[in-house]
Amino acid sequence: MSAPVEVRSPLWPVCWKSCGNCAGEGAFVTEVLIAPGDEVSFNQVIVRTETSKVSTDVPTSVAGRVVSVHVQVGDELPEDVLIALIDRGAA
């Protein structure tokens, strides 16, 4: 059995902090669309985030079964934060 795959928050564009067109502050989780035990497909949206200026969907990078979820609604979501662990062997 292989280790679960980490799904992490995306790296924001280089201009994210400097230009001010995309974000005036951090991104916050507005929806968590998965729970432990759920089956997910490749590229399925699992979390939605929002700033005062833009909404972003965060998809999975693998298909499988959700082992654990590490964010909740209201959490700030900086770059490269663990969102979920997914067991690919369960797909």
Protein backbone atom coordinates (compact mmCIF):
# COMPACT_ATOMS: atom_id res chain seq x y z
CA MET A 1 0.00 0.00 0.00
CA SER A 2 1.41 3.39 -0.98
CA ALA A 3 1.39 6.46 1.21
CA PRO A 4 -1.52 8.88 0.77
CA VAL A 5 -0.93 11.79 -1.61
CA GLU A 6 -0.88 15.30 -0.15
CA VAL A 7 -3.14 17.81 -1.88
CA ARG A 8 -1.74 21.26 -1.10
CA SER A 9 -2.90 24.80 -1.79
CA PRO A 10 -1.60 26.27 -5.03
CA LEU A 11 1.32 28.61 -5.39
CA TRP A 12 -0.15 32.00 -6.21
CA PRO A 13 1.10 34.00 -9.22
CA VAL A 14 4.27 36.04 -8.71
CA CYS A 15 2.27 39.27 -8.89
CA TRP A 16 -0.28 38.11 -6.24
CA LYS A 17 1.15 40.20 -3.39
CA SER A 18 2.53 43.12 -5.36
CA CYS A 19 0.00 44.18 -8.00
CA GLY A 20 -3.16 44.33 -5.90
CA ASN A 21 -5.44 43.31 -8.79
CA CYS A 22 -6.10 39.79 -7.52
CA ALA A 23 -5.87 40.06 -3.78
CA GLY A 24 -5.77 42.74 -1.19
CA GLU A 25 -5.38 40.19 1.59
CA GLY A 26 -5.15 36.43 1.95
CA ALA A 27 -7.43 33.83 0.44
CA PHE A 28 -9.99 32.26 2.76
CA VAL A 29 -11.76 28.90 2.48
CA THR A 30 -15.44 29.46 1.63
CA GLU A 31 -16.42 25.85 0.88
CA VAL A 32 -15.00 22.42 1.66
CA LEU A 33 -16.55 19.99 -0.81
CA ILE A 34 -15.09 16.73 0.54
CA ALA A 35 -15.08 14.68 3.73
CA PRO A 36 -13.06 11.67 4.88
CA GLY A 37 -14.20 8.55 3.03
CA ASP A 38 -15.38 10.41 -0.09
CA GLU A 39 -14.23 9.17 -3.49
CA VAL A 40 -12.72 11.92 -5.65
CA SER A 41 -11.75 12.01 -9.31
CA PHE A 42 -8.72 13.65 -10.90
CA ASN A 43 -9.14 17.42 -11.15
CA GLN A 44 -12.30 17.44 -9.00
CA VAL A 45 -12.83 20.70 -7.11
CA ILE A 46 -12.42 19.99 -3.40
CA VAL A 47 -12.14 23.49 -1.89
CA ARG A 48 -13.27 26.97 -2.89
CA THR A 49 -11.43 30.07 -1.73
CA GLU A 50 -12.17 33.76 -1.96
CA THR A 51 -10.48 37.10 -1.45
CA SER A 52 -12.16 40.48 -1.64
CA LYS A 53 -11.51 40.42 -5.40
CA VAL A 54 -11.41 36.86 -6.74
CA SER A 55 -12.76 33.34 -6.14
CA THR A 56 -10.64 30.27 -6.83
CA ASP A 57 -11.45 26.56 -7.07
CA VAL A 58 -8.79 24.16 -5.79
CA PRO A 59 -8.86 20.76 -7.57
CA THR A 60 -7.31 17.43 -6.66
CA SER A 61 -4.18 16.27 -8.43
CA VAL A 62 -5.14 12.57 -8.09
CA ALA A 63 -8.17 10.27 -7.93
CA GLY A 64 -8.85 8.16 -4.86
CA ARG A 65 -10.46 8.11 -1.42
CA VAL A 66 -10.16 11.06 0.97
CA VAL A 67 -8.24 9.97 4.07
CA SER A 68 -8.34 13.30 5.92
CA VAL A 69 -9.24 16.96 5.42
CA HIS A 70 -7.01 19.62 6.97
CA VAL A 71 -8.92 22.86 6.27
CA GLN A 72 -12.33 24.19 7.18
CA VAL A 73 -14.54 27.09 6.15
CA GLY A 74 -13.06 30.37 7.34
CA ASP A 75 -9.43 29.22 7.36
CA GLU A 76 -6.91 31.47 5.68
CA LEU A 77 -5.20 29.51 2.92
CA PRO A 78 -1.65 30.65 2.21
CA GLU A 79 0.51 28.95 -0.41
CA ASP A 80 1.52 25.31 -0.08
CA VAL A 81 -0.72 24.39 2.87
CA LEU A 82 -1.92 20.80 3.30
CA ILE A 83 -5.60 20.59 2.29
CA ALA A 84 -6.22 16.84 2.24
CA LEU A 85 -4.66 13.39 2.08
CA ILE A 86 -5.93 11.08 -0.66
CA ASP A 87 -5.34 7.33 -0.94
CA ARG A 88 -4.82 6.57 -4.65
CA GLY A 89 -5.08 2.83 -4.08
CA ALA A 90 -8.75 3.18 -3.18
CA ALA A 91 -9.76 4.56 -6.59
